[in-house]
């Protein structure tokens, strides 16, 4: 399995952006999740974000919240997610990052969680509620376990806090496109390009944009400003609307193919 930095570097060399789909673990069950992940690998997506269901997510909109509720109601466990990922063929999977609440990691045991995540094949963690003052120390622990700690930056993040976040960032920077929660939106904010330009001047890490991206048409608006795009709610909705596991896999693969074509036609930013 390649690292995130390898993936972004290869895409940049090819003159294209990257595509990172989000999938909720265990919605509607772990077998379907495994099949969807394998389908995304078949489509040659660049990276994958796997959500650990949590009863009180701070950044997720109604579509992903509902998927978390379904997964928790089905009895999903952290160890079950680790076992599911461990059973996937690592030689054909792209880098997979866990979107996980710090409360889950803390309750499980930080060192135990990071060790298990590494063993299961995760490439890194995205922790939306990680306290800024703990990020630097936490990033040392993730490095010890060969995991990237991906940091999130929102439109509301202050200049001082941005600097602190970037100092602890690894792998890539998760750029939140809008203030608020995840969810499908028809348009991205006009000021997003300026925010990405400012970030590009502060870090050489790849910039991946998430929250609100739901269609291939939106990718072109980020050309030259971002290095990758992250899509969550649109994919989670496709899975929830499917009438079978195979139907979910087919729908997600169809969507991923269209997004792959869109990022292949979009130039990345020039900062790394």
C-alpha atoms as a PDB file:
ATOM      1  CA  UNK A   1       0.000   0.000   0.000  1.00  0.00           C
ATOM      2  CA  UNK A   2       1.393   3.382  -1.025  1.00  0.00           C
ATOM      3  CA  UNK A   3       1.569   6.306   1.365  1.00  0.00           C
ATOM      4  CA  UNK A   4      -0.561   9.394   0.841  1.00  0.00           C
ATOM      5  CA  UNK A   5       2.492  11.448  -0.102  1.00  0.00           C
ATOM      6  CA  UNK A   6       3.366   8.923  -2.830  1.00  0.00           C
ATOM      7  CA  UNK A   7      -0.169   9.061  -4.205  1.00  0.00           C
ATOM      8  CA  UNK A   8      -0.315  12.859  -4.330  1.00  0.00           C
ATOM      9  CA  UNK A   9       3.179  13.057  -5.834  1.00  0.00           C
ATOM     10  CA  UNK A  10       2.258  10.581  -8.573  1.00  0.00           C
ATOM     11  CA  UNK A  11      -0.959  12.453  -9.367  1.00  0.00           C
ATOM     12  CA  UNK A  12       0.889  15.777  -9.476  1.00  0.00           C
ATOM     13  CA  UNK A  13       3.420  14.304 -11.876  1.00  0.00           C
ATOM     14  CA  UNK A  14       0.534  13.205 -14.081  1.00  0.00           C
ATOM     15  CA  UNK A  15      -0.900  16.727 -13.921  1.00  0.00           C
ATOM     16  CA  UNK A  16      -4.153  15.750 -12.225  1.00  0.00           C
ATOM     17  CA  UNK A  17      -5.997  16.039  -8.931  1.00  0.00           C
ATOM     18  CA  UNK A  18      -6.880  13.105  -6.654  1.00  0.00           C
ATOM     19  CA  UNK A  19     -10.222  11.647  -5.612  1.00  0.00           C
ATOM     20  CA  UNK A  20     -10.904  10.415  -2.064  1.00  0.00           C
ATOM     21  CA  UNK A  21     -14.331   8.878  -1.407  1.00  0.00           C
ATOM     22  CA  UNK A  22     -15.764   8.554   2.106  1.00  0.00           C
ATOM     23  CA  UNK A  23     -17.575   5.422   3.296  1.00  0.00           C
ATOM     24  CA  UNK A  24     -19.228   4.790   6.671  1.00  0.00           C
ATOM     25  CA  UNK A  25     -17.977   1.557   8.219  1.00  0.00           C
ATOM     26  CA  UNK A  26     -20.796  -0.895   8.871  1.00  0.00           C
ATOM     27  CA  UNK A  27     -23.584   0.829   6.921  1.00  0.00           C
ATOM     28  CA  UNK A  28     -25.619  -1.262   6.371  1.00  0.00           C
ATOM     29  CA  UNK A  29     -23.148  -3.977   7.475  1.00  0.00           C
ATOM     30  CA  UNK A  30     -19.418  -4.670   7.401  1.00  0.00           C
ATOM     31  CA  UNK A  31     -19.677  -7.160   4.539  1.00  0.00           C
ATOM     32  CA  UNK A  32     -21.174  -4.469   2.308  1.00  0.00           C
ATOM     33  CA  UNK A  33     -18.528  -2.000   3.466  1.00  0.00           C
ATOM     34  CA  UNK A  34     -15.778  -4.441   2.517  1.00  0.00           C
ATOM     35  CA  UNK A  35     -17.321  -5.009  -0.913  1.00  0.00           C
ATOM     36  CA  UNK A  36     -17.675  -1.254  -1.505  1.00  0.00           C
ATOM     37  CA  UNK A  37     -14.030  -0.675  -0.515  1.00  0.00           C
ATOM     38  CA  UNK A  38     -12.906  -3.413  -2.903  1.00  0.00           C
ATOM     39  CA  UNK A  39     -15.078  -1.875  -5.625  1.00  0.00           C
ATOM     40  CA  UNK A  40     -13.453   1.510  -5.075  1.00  0.00           C
ATOM     41  CA  UNK A  41     -10.028  -0.140  -5.280  1.00  0.00           C
ATOM     42  CA  UNK A  42     -11.101  -1.734  -8.581  1.00  0.00           C
ATOM     43  CA  UNK A  43     -11.949   1.765  -9.822  1.00  0.00           C
ATOM     44  CA  UNK A  44      -8.425   2.908  -8.908  1.00  0.00           C
ATOM     45  CA  UNK A  45      -9.517   5.720  -6.605  1.00  0.00           C
ATOM     46  CA  UNK A  46      -6.509   7.463  -5.084  1.00  0.00           C
ATOM     47  CA  UNK A  47      -7.354   7.274  -1.373  1.00  0.00           C
ATOM     48  CA  UNK A  48     -10.304   6.260   0.811  1.00  0.00           C
ATOM     49  CA  UNK A  49     -11.722   7.797   3.985  1.00  0.00           C
ATOM     50  CA  UNK A  50     -13.473   5.316   6.287  1.00  0.00           C
ATOM     51  CA  UNK A  51     -15.773   6.729   8.942  1.00  0.00           C
ATOM     52  CA  UNK A  52     -15.936   5.230  12.419  1.00  0.00           C
ATOM     53  CA  UNK A  53     -19.577   5.608  13.527  1.00  0.00           C
ATOM     54  CA  UNK A  54     -20.064   7.889  16.506  1.00  0.00           C
ATOM     55  CA  UNK A  55     -23.246   8.834  18.330  1.00  0.00           C
ATOM     56  CA  UNK A  56     -22.423  12.538  18.557  1.00  0.00           C
ATOM     57  CA  UNK A  57     -20.410  13.638  15.501  1.00  0.00           C
ATOM     58  CA  UNK A  58     -19.474  17.304  15.477  1.00  0.00           C
ATOM     59  CA  UNK A  59     -18.806  17.863  11.779  1.00  0.00           C
ATOM     60  CA  UNK A  60     -21.185  15.554   9.955  1.00  0.00           C
ATOM     61  CA  UNK A  61     -24.473  16.513   8.344  1.00  0.00           C
ATOM     62  CA  UNK A  62     -27.750  14.549   8.362  1.00  0.00           C
ATOM     63  CA  UNK A  63     -26.837  12.010   5.666  1.00  0.00           C
ATOM     64  CA  UNK A  64     -23.671  10.797   7.393  1.00  0.00           C
ATOM     65  CA  UNK A  65     -25.234  11.107  10.863  1.00  0.00           C
ATOM     66  CA  UNK A  66     -28.045   8.805   9.710  1.00  0.00           C
ATOM     67  CA  UNK A  67     -25.508   6.291   8.385  1.00  0.00           C
ATOM     68  CA  UNK A  68     -23.705   6.341  11.739  1.00  0.00           C
ATOM     69  CA  UNK A  69     -27.001   5.658  13.518  1.00  0.00           C
ATOM     70  CA  UNK A  70     -27.764   2.702  11.230  1.00  0.00           C
ATOM     71  CA  UNK A  71     -24.291   1.280  11.739  1.00  0.00           C
ATOM     72  CA  UNK A  72     -24.385   1.641  15.529  1.00  0.00           C
ATOM     73  CA  UNK A  73     -27.863   0.115  15.630  1.00  0.00           C
ATOM     74  CA  UNK A  74     -26.487  -2.894  13.730  1.00  0.00           C
ATOM     75  CA  UNK A  75     -23.919  -3.418  16.502  1.00  0.00           C
ATOM     76  CA  UNK A  76     -20.752  -2.172  14.815  1.00  0.00           C
ATOM     77  CA  UNK A  77     -17.606  -2.324  16.968  1.00  0.00           C
ATOM     78  CA  UNK A  78     -14.155  -0.789  16.636  1.00  0.00           C
ATOM     79  CA  UNK A  79     -12.531  -4.208  16.632  1.00  0.00           C
ATOM     80  CA  UNK A  80     -15.003  -5.346  13.982  1.00  0.00           C
ATOM     81  CA  UNK A  81     -13.879  -2.487  11.733  1.00  0.00           C
ATOM     82  CA  UNK A  82     -10.222  -3.364  12.302  1.00  0.00           C
ATOM     83  CA  UNK A  83     -10.893  -7.038  11.463  1.00  0.00           C
ATOM     84  CA  UNK A  84     -12.800  -6.103   8.306  1.00  0.00           C
ATOM     85  CA  UNK A  85      -9.955  -3.934   7.069  1.00  0.00           C
ATOM     86  CA  UNK A  86      -7.352  -6.501   8.052  1.00  0.00           C
ATOM     87  CA  UNK A  87      -9.066  -9.041   5.782  1.00  0.00           C
ATOM     88  CA  UNK A  88      -8.860  -6.796   2.698  1.00  0.00           C
ATOM     89  CA  UNK A  89      -6.085  -7.408   0.145  1.00  0.00           C
ATOM     90  CA  UNK A  90      -3.565  -4.712   1.126  1.00  0.00           C
ATOM     91  CA  UNK A  91      -1.595  -5.025  -2.116  1.00  0.00           C
ATOM     92  CA  UNK A  92      -4.526  -3.715  -4.178  1.00  0.00           C
ATOM     93  CA  UNK A  93      -6.012  -1.169  -1.755  1.00  0.00           C
ATOM     94  CA  UNK A  94      -5.239   2.558  -1.904  1.00  0.00           C
ATOM     95  CA  UNK A  95      -4.233   4.363   1.314  1.00  0.00           C
ATOM     96  CA  UNK A  96      -7.178   4.298   3.743  1.00  0.00           C
ATOM     97  CA  UNK A  97      -7.647   6.987   6.393  1.00  0.00           C
ATOM     98  CA  UNK A  98      -9.966   6.662   9.367  1.00  0.00           C
ATOM     99  CA  UNK A  99     -12.287   9.548  10.113  1.00  0.00           C
ATOM    100  CA  UNK A 100     -12.659   9.017  13.838  1.00  0.00           C
ATOM    101  CA  UNK A 101     -13.675  11.039  16.872  1.00  0.00           C
ATOM    102  CA  UNK A 102     -10.961  11.688  19.453  1.00  0.00           C
ATOM    103  CA  UNK A 103     -13.466  10.503  22.059  1.00  0.00           C
ATOM    104  CA  UNK A 104     -13.462   7.049  20.438  1.00  0.00           C
ATOM    105  CA  UNK A 105      -9.652   6.907  20.296  1.00  0.00           C
ATOM    106  CA  UNK A 106      -9.313   8.125  23.891  1.00  0.00           C
ATOM    107  CA  UNK A 107     -11.903   5.683  25.224  1.00  0.00           C
ATOM    108  CA  UNK A 108     -10.303   2.751  23.371  1.00  0.00           C
ATOM    109  CA  UNK A 109      -6.834   3.783  24.555  1.00  0.00           C
ATOM    110  CA  UNK A 110      -4.673   6.004  22.374  1.00  0.00           C
ATOM    111  CA  UNK A 111      -1.677   3.694  22.068  1.00  0.00           C
ATOM    112  CA  UNK A 112      -3.862   0.609  21.599  1.00  0.00           C
ATOM    113  CA  UNK A 113      -5.969   2.305  18.908  1.00  0.00           C
ATOM    114  CA  UNK A 114      -2.959   3.548  16.955  1.00  0.00           C
ATOM    115  CA  UNK A 115      -1.259   0.161  17.130  1.00  0.00           C
ATOM    116  CA  UNK A 116      -4.397  -1.648  15.940  1.00  0.00           C
ATOM    117  CA  UNK A 117      -4.951   0.920  13.183  1.00  0.00           C
ATOM    118  CA  UNK A 118      -1.424   0.369  11.905  1.00  0.00           C
ATOM    119  CA  UNK A 119      -1.765  -3.414  12.035  1.00  0.00           C
ATOM    120  CA  UNK A 120      -5.116  -3.311  10.225  1.00  0.00           C
ATOM    121  CA  UNK A 121      -3.585  -1.352   7.346  1.00  0.00           C
ATOM    122  CA  UNK A 122      -4.740   2.216   7.893  1.00  0.00           C
ATOM    123  CA  UNK A 123      -2.441   4.881   6.443  1.00  0.00           C
ATOM    124  CA  UNK A 124      -3.533   7.602   8.810  1.00  0.00           C
ATOM    125  CA  UNK A 125      -6.204   9.281  10.910  1.00  0.00           C
ATOM    126  CA  UNK A 126      -8.459  12.292  10.463  1.00  0.00           C
ATOM    127  CA  UNK A 127      -9.710  13.448  13.881  1.00  0.00           C
ATOM    128  CA  UNK A 128     -12.084  16.436  13.623  1.00  0.00           C
ATOM    129  CA  UNK A 129     -12.355  17.003  17.383  1.00  0.00           C
ATOM    130  CA  UNK A 130      -8.668  16.631  18.297  1.00  0.00           C
ATOM    131  CA  UNK A 131      -7.799  19.549  20.617  1.00  0.00           C
ATOM    132  CA  UNK A 132      -5.219  21.826  18.987  1.00  0.00           C
ATOM    133  CA  UNK A 133      -3.031  21.805  22.078  1.00  0.00           C
ATOM    134  CA  UNK A 134      -2.776  18.018  21.895  1.00  0.00           C
ATOM    135  CA  UNK A 135      -2.165  17.746  18.150  1.00  0.00           C
ATOM    136  CA  UNK A 136       1.628  18.038  18.231  1.00  0.00           C
ATOM    137  CA  UNK A 137       2.090  15.372  20.914  1.00  0.00           C
ATOM    138  CA  UNK A 138      -0.504  13.159  19.217  1.00  0.00           C
ATOM    139  CA  UNK A 139       1.258  13.499  15.854  1.00  0.00           C
ATOM    140  CA  UNK A 140       4.429  12.081  17.423  1.00  0.00           C
ATOM    141  CA  UNK A 141       2.446   9.019  18.502  1.00  0.00           C
ATOM    142  CA  UNK A 142       0.949   8.553  15.037  1.00  0.00           C
ATOM    143  CA  UNK A 143       4.396   8.802  13.427  1.00  0.00           C
ATOM    144  CA  UNK A 144       5.650   6.134  15.839  1.00  0.00           C
ATOM    145  CA  UNK A 145       2.907   3.876  14.459  1.00  0.00           C
ATOM    146  CA  UNK A 146       3.610   4.755  10.796  1.00  0.00           C
ATOM    147  CA  UNK A 147       0.361   6.692  10.542  1.00  0.00           C
ATOM    148  CA  UNK A 148      -0.242  10.186   9.173  1.00  0.00           C
ATOM    149  CA  UNK A 149      -2.219  12.605  11.315  1.00  0.00           C
ATOM    150  CA  UNK A 150      -4.247  14.622   8.824  1.00  0.00           C
ATOM    151  CA  UNK A 151      -5.300  18.040  10.086  1.00  0.00           C
ATOM    152  CA  UNK A 152      -8.482  19.894   9.203  1.00  0.00           C
ATOM    153  CA  UNK A 153      -8.628  23.609   8.460  1.00  0.00           C
ATOM    154  CA  UNK A 154     -11.951  25.433   8.156  1.00  0.00           C
ATOM    155  CA  UNK A 155     -12.858  28.869   6.750  1.00  0.00           C
ATOM    156  CA  UNK A 156     -13.293  30.001  10.356  1.00  0.00           C
ATOM    157  CA  UNK A 157      -9.825  28.852  11.485  1.00  0.00           C
ATOM    158  CA  UNK A 158      -7.784  31.823  12.749  1.00  0.00           C
ATOM    159  CA  UNK A 159      -4.340  32.654  11.357  1.00  0.00           C
ATOM    160  CA  UNK A 160      -2.590  31.690  14.619  1.00  0.00           C
ATOM    161  CA  UNK A 161      -4.449  28.417  14.859  1.00  0.00           C
ATOM    162  CA  UNK A 162      -3.748  27.662  11.184  1.00  0.00           C
ATOM    163  CA  UNK A 163      -0.021  27.890  11.854  1.00  0.00           C
ATOM    164  CA  UNK A 164      -0.288  25.556  14.843  1.00  0.00           C
ATOM    165  CA  UNK A 165      -2.343  23.063  12.851  1.00  0.00           C
ATOM    166  CA  UNK A 166       0.032  23.063   9.883  1.00  0.00           C
ATOM    167  CA  UNK A 167       3.003  22.420  12.185  1.00  0.00           C
ATOM    168  CA  UNK A 168       1.408  19.131  13.279  1.00  0.00           C
ATOM    169  CA  UNK A 169      -0.047  18.158   9.884  1.00  0.00           C
ATOM    170  CA  UNK A 170       1.075  15.044   8.035  1.00  0.00           C
ATOM    171  CA  UNK A 171       0.104  13.407   4.747  1.00  0.00           C
ATOM    172  CA  UNK A 172      -2.137  16.156   3.423  1.00  0.00           C
ATOM    173  CA  UNK A 173      -4.287  19.007   4.716  1.00  0.00           C
ATOM    174  CA  UNK A 174      -8.052  18.450   4.849  1.00  0.00           C
ATOM    175  CA  UNK A 175      -9.505  21.782   3.739  1.00  0.00           C
ATOM    176  CA  UNK A 176     -13.125  22.251   4.800  1.00  0.00           C
ATOM    177  CA  UNK A 177     -14.845  24.161   2.003  1.00  0.00           C
ATOM    178  CA  UNK A 178     -17.613  25.739   4.072  1.00  0.00           C
ATOM    179  CA  UNK A 179     -18.385  26.669   7.644  1.00  0.00           C
ATOM    180  CA  UNK A 180     -20.794  24.078   8.997  1.00  0.00           C
ATOM    181  CA  UNK A 181     -21.336  20.364   8.598  1.00  0.00           C
ATOM    182  CA  UNK A 182     -20.837  17.902   5.774  1.00  0.00           C
ATOM    183  CA  UNK A 183     -23.511  17.542   3.111  1.00  0.00           C
ATOM    184  CA  UNK A 184     -24.251  17.865  -0.578  1.00  0.00           C
ATOM    185  CA  UNK A 185     -24.237  21.442  -1.888  1.00  0.00           C
ATOM    186  CA  UNK A 186     -24.884  22.774  -5.369  1.00  0.00           C
ATOM    187  CA  UNK A 187     -22.185  25.446  -5.246  1.00  0.00           C
ATOM    188  CA  UNK A 188     -18.916  25.934  -3.428  1.00  0.00           C
ATOM    189  CA  UNK A 189     -18.274  29.332  -1.789  1.00  0.00           C
ATOM    190  CA  UNK A 190     -16.588  31.934  -3.973  1.00  0.00           C
ATOM    191  CA  UNK A 191     -14.026  32.762  -1.267  1.00  0.00           C
ATOM    192  CA  UNK A 192     -12.739  29.160  -1.192  1.00  0.00           C
ATOM    193  CA  UNK A 193     -10.163  29.858  -3.916  1.00  0.00           C
ATOM    194  CA  UNK A 194      -8.648  32.700  -1.867  1.00  0.00           C
ATOM    195  CA  UNK A 195      -8.475  30.509   1.228  1.00  0.00           C
ATOM    196  CA  UNK A 196      -6.698  27.773  -0.716  1.00  0.00           C
ATOM    197  CA  UNK A 197      -4.238  30.304  -2.185  1.00  0.00           C
ATOM    198  CA  UNK A 198      -3.348  31.465   1.322  1.00  0.00           C
ATOM    199  CA  UNK A 199      -2.835  27.900   2.518  1.00  0.00           C
ATOM    200  CA  UNK A 200      -0.748  27.095  -0.532  1.00  0.00           C
ATOM    201  CA  UNK A 201       1.637  29.844   0.566  1.00  0.00           C
ATOM    202  CA  UNK A 202       1.966  28.345   4.053  1.00  0.00           C
ATOM    203  CA  UNK A 203       2.553  24.641   3.408  1.00  0.00           C
ATOM    204  CA  UNK A 204       3.971  22.272   0.834  1.00  0.00           C
ATOM    205  CA  UNK A 205       1.566  19.517   1.904  1.00  0.00           C
ATOM    206  CA  UNK A 206      -1.139  18.569  -0.622  1.00  0.00           C
ATOM    207  CA  UNK A 207      -4.486  20.342  -0.134  1.00  0.00           C
ATOM    208  CA  UNK A 208      -7.589  18.142  -0.303  1.00  0.00           C
ATOM    209  CA  UNK A 209     -11.011  19.809  -0.199  1.00  0.00           C
ATOM    210  CA  UNK A 210     -14.056  18.215   1.421  1.00  0.00           C
ATOM    211  CA  UNK A 211     -17.546  19.136   2.701  1.00  0.00           C
ATOM    212  CA  UNK A 212     -20.126  19.953   0.055  1.00  0.00           C
ATOM    213  CA  UNK A 213     -18.513  18.361  -2.996  1.00  0.00           C
ATOM    214  CA  UNK A 214     -20.947  16.017  -4.692  1.00  0.00           C
ATOM    215  CA  UNK A 215     -20.482  16.095  -8.458  1.00  0.00           C
ATOM    216  CA  UNK A 216     -17.845  15.981 -11.203  1.00  0.00           C
ATOM    217  CA  UNK A 217     -18.846  19.498 -12.297  1.00  0.00           C
ATOM    218  CA  UNK A 218     -17.624  20.967  -9.009  1.00  0.00           C
ATOM    219  CA  UNK A 219     -14.110  19.587  -9.507  1.00  0.00           C
ATOM    220  CA  UNK A 220     -13.313  22.035 -12.302  1.00  0.00           C
ATOM    221  CA  UNK A 221     -13.961  25.006  -9.991  1.00  0.00           C
ATOM    222  CA  UNK A 222     -11.045  23.846  -7.804  1.00  0.00           C
ATOM    223  CA  UNK A 223      -8.563  23.330 -10.642  1.00  0.00           C
ATOM    224  CA  UNK A 224      -5.224  24.932  -9.839  1.00  0.00           C
ATOM    225  CA  UNK A 225      -6.200  25.620  -6.235  1.00  0.00           C
ATOM    226  CA  UNK A 226      -6.489  22.140  -4.668  1.00  0.00           C
ATOM    227  CA  UNK A 227      -4.660  18.842  -5.071  1.00  0.00           C
ATOM    228  CA  UNK A 228      -7.562  16.561  -4.277  1.00  0.00           C
ATOM    229  CA  UNK A 229     -11.255  16.371  -3.531  1.00  0.00           C
ATOM    230  CA  UNK A 230     -13.111  14.377  -0.875  1.00  0.00           C
ATOM    231  CA  UNK A 231     -16.719  13.238  -1.369  1.00  0.00           C
ATOM    232  CA  UNK A 232     -18.790  11.809   1.471  1.00  0.00           C
ATOM    233  CA  UNK A 233     -22.533  12.447   1.650  1.00  0.00           C
ATOM    234  CA  UNK A 234     -23.182  11.750  -2.042  1.00  0.00           C
ATOM    235  CA  UNK A 235     -21.592   8.302  -1.721  1.00  0.00           C
ATOM    236  CA  UNK A 236     -23.198   7.479   1.621  1.00  0.00           C
ATOM    237  CA  UNK A 237     -26.589   8.339   0.086  1.00  0.00           C
ATOM    238  CA  UNK A 238     -25.993   6.007  -2.867  1.00  0.00           C
ATOM    239  CA  UNK A 239     -25.253   3.148  -0.475  1.00  0.00           C
ATOM    240  CA  UNK A 240     -28.304   3.887   1.680  1.00  0.00           C
ATOM    241  CA  UNK A 241     -30.611   3.974  -1.351  1.00  0.00           C
ATOM    242  CA  UNK A 242     -29.353   0.706  -2.849  1.00  0.00           C
ATOM    243  CA  UNK A 243     -31.635  -2.318  -2.519  1.00  0.00           C
ATOM    244  CA  UNK A 244     -28.772  -4.797  -2.140  1.00  0.00           C
ATOM    245  CA  UNK A 245     -25.080  -5.052  -1.379  1.00  0.00           C
ATOM    246  CA  UNK A 246     -24.250  -5.611  -5.048  1.00  0.00           C
ATOM    247  CA  UNK A 247     -26.463  -2.668  -5.969  1.00  0.00           C
ATOM    248  CA  UNK A 248     -24.535  -0.439  -3.570  1.00  0.00           C
ATOM    249  CA  UNK A 249     -21.211  -1.555  -5.030  1.00  0.00           C
ATOM    250  CA  UNK A 250     -22.429  -0.923  -8.593  1.00  0.00           C
ATOM    251  CA  UNK A 251     -23.775   2.556  -7.776  1.00  0.00           C
ATOM    252  CA  UNK A 252     -20.599   3.606  -5.956  1.00  0.00           C
ATOM    253  CA  UNK A 253     -18.343   2.299  -8.730  1.00  0.00           C
ATOM    254  CA  UNK A 254     -20.369   4.208 -11.334  1.00  0.00           C
ATOM    255  CA  UNK A 255     -20.064   7.408  -9.319  1.00  0.00           C
ATOM    256  CA  UNK A 256     -16.347   6.852  -8.644  1.00  0.00           C
ATOM    257  CA  UNK A 257     -15.672   6.367 -12.345  1.00  0.00           C
ATOM    258  CA  UNK A 258     -17.256   9.754 -13.129  1.00  0.00           C
ATOM    259  CA  UNK A 259     -15.273  11.453 -10.361  1.00  0.00           C
ATOM    260  CA  UNK A 260     -12.034   9.814 -11.512  1.00  0.00           C
ATOM    261  CA  UNK A 261     -12.623  11.269 -14.973  1.00  0.00           C
ATOM    262  CA  UNK A 262     -13.219  14.711 -13.482  1.00  0.00           C
ATOM    263  CA  UNK A 263     -10.032  14.785 -11.387  1.00  0.00           C
ATOM    264  CA  UNK A 264      -8.022  13.398 -14.321  1.00  0.00           C
ATOM    265  CA  UNK A 265      -8.978  16.496 -16.303  1.00  0.00           C
ATOM    266  CA  UNK A 266      -8.163  18.972 -13.502  1.00  0.00           C
ATOM    267  CA  UNK A 267      -4.706  20.396 -12.845  1.00  0.00           C
ATOM    268  CA  UNK A 268      -3.604  20.354  -9.175  1.00  0.00           C
ATOM    269  CA  UNK A 269      -2.166  23.347  -7.313  1.00  0.00           C
ATOM    270  CA  UNK A 270       1.506  24.045  -7.922  1.00  0.00           C
ATOM    271  CA  UNK A 271       2.743  23.998  -4.343  1.00  0.00           C
ATOM    272  CA  UNK A 272       4.243  20.536  -3.933  1.00  0.00           C
END
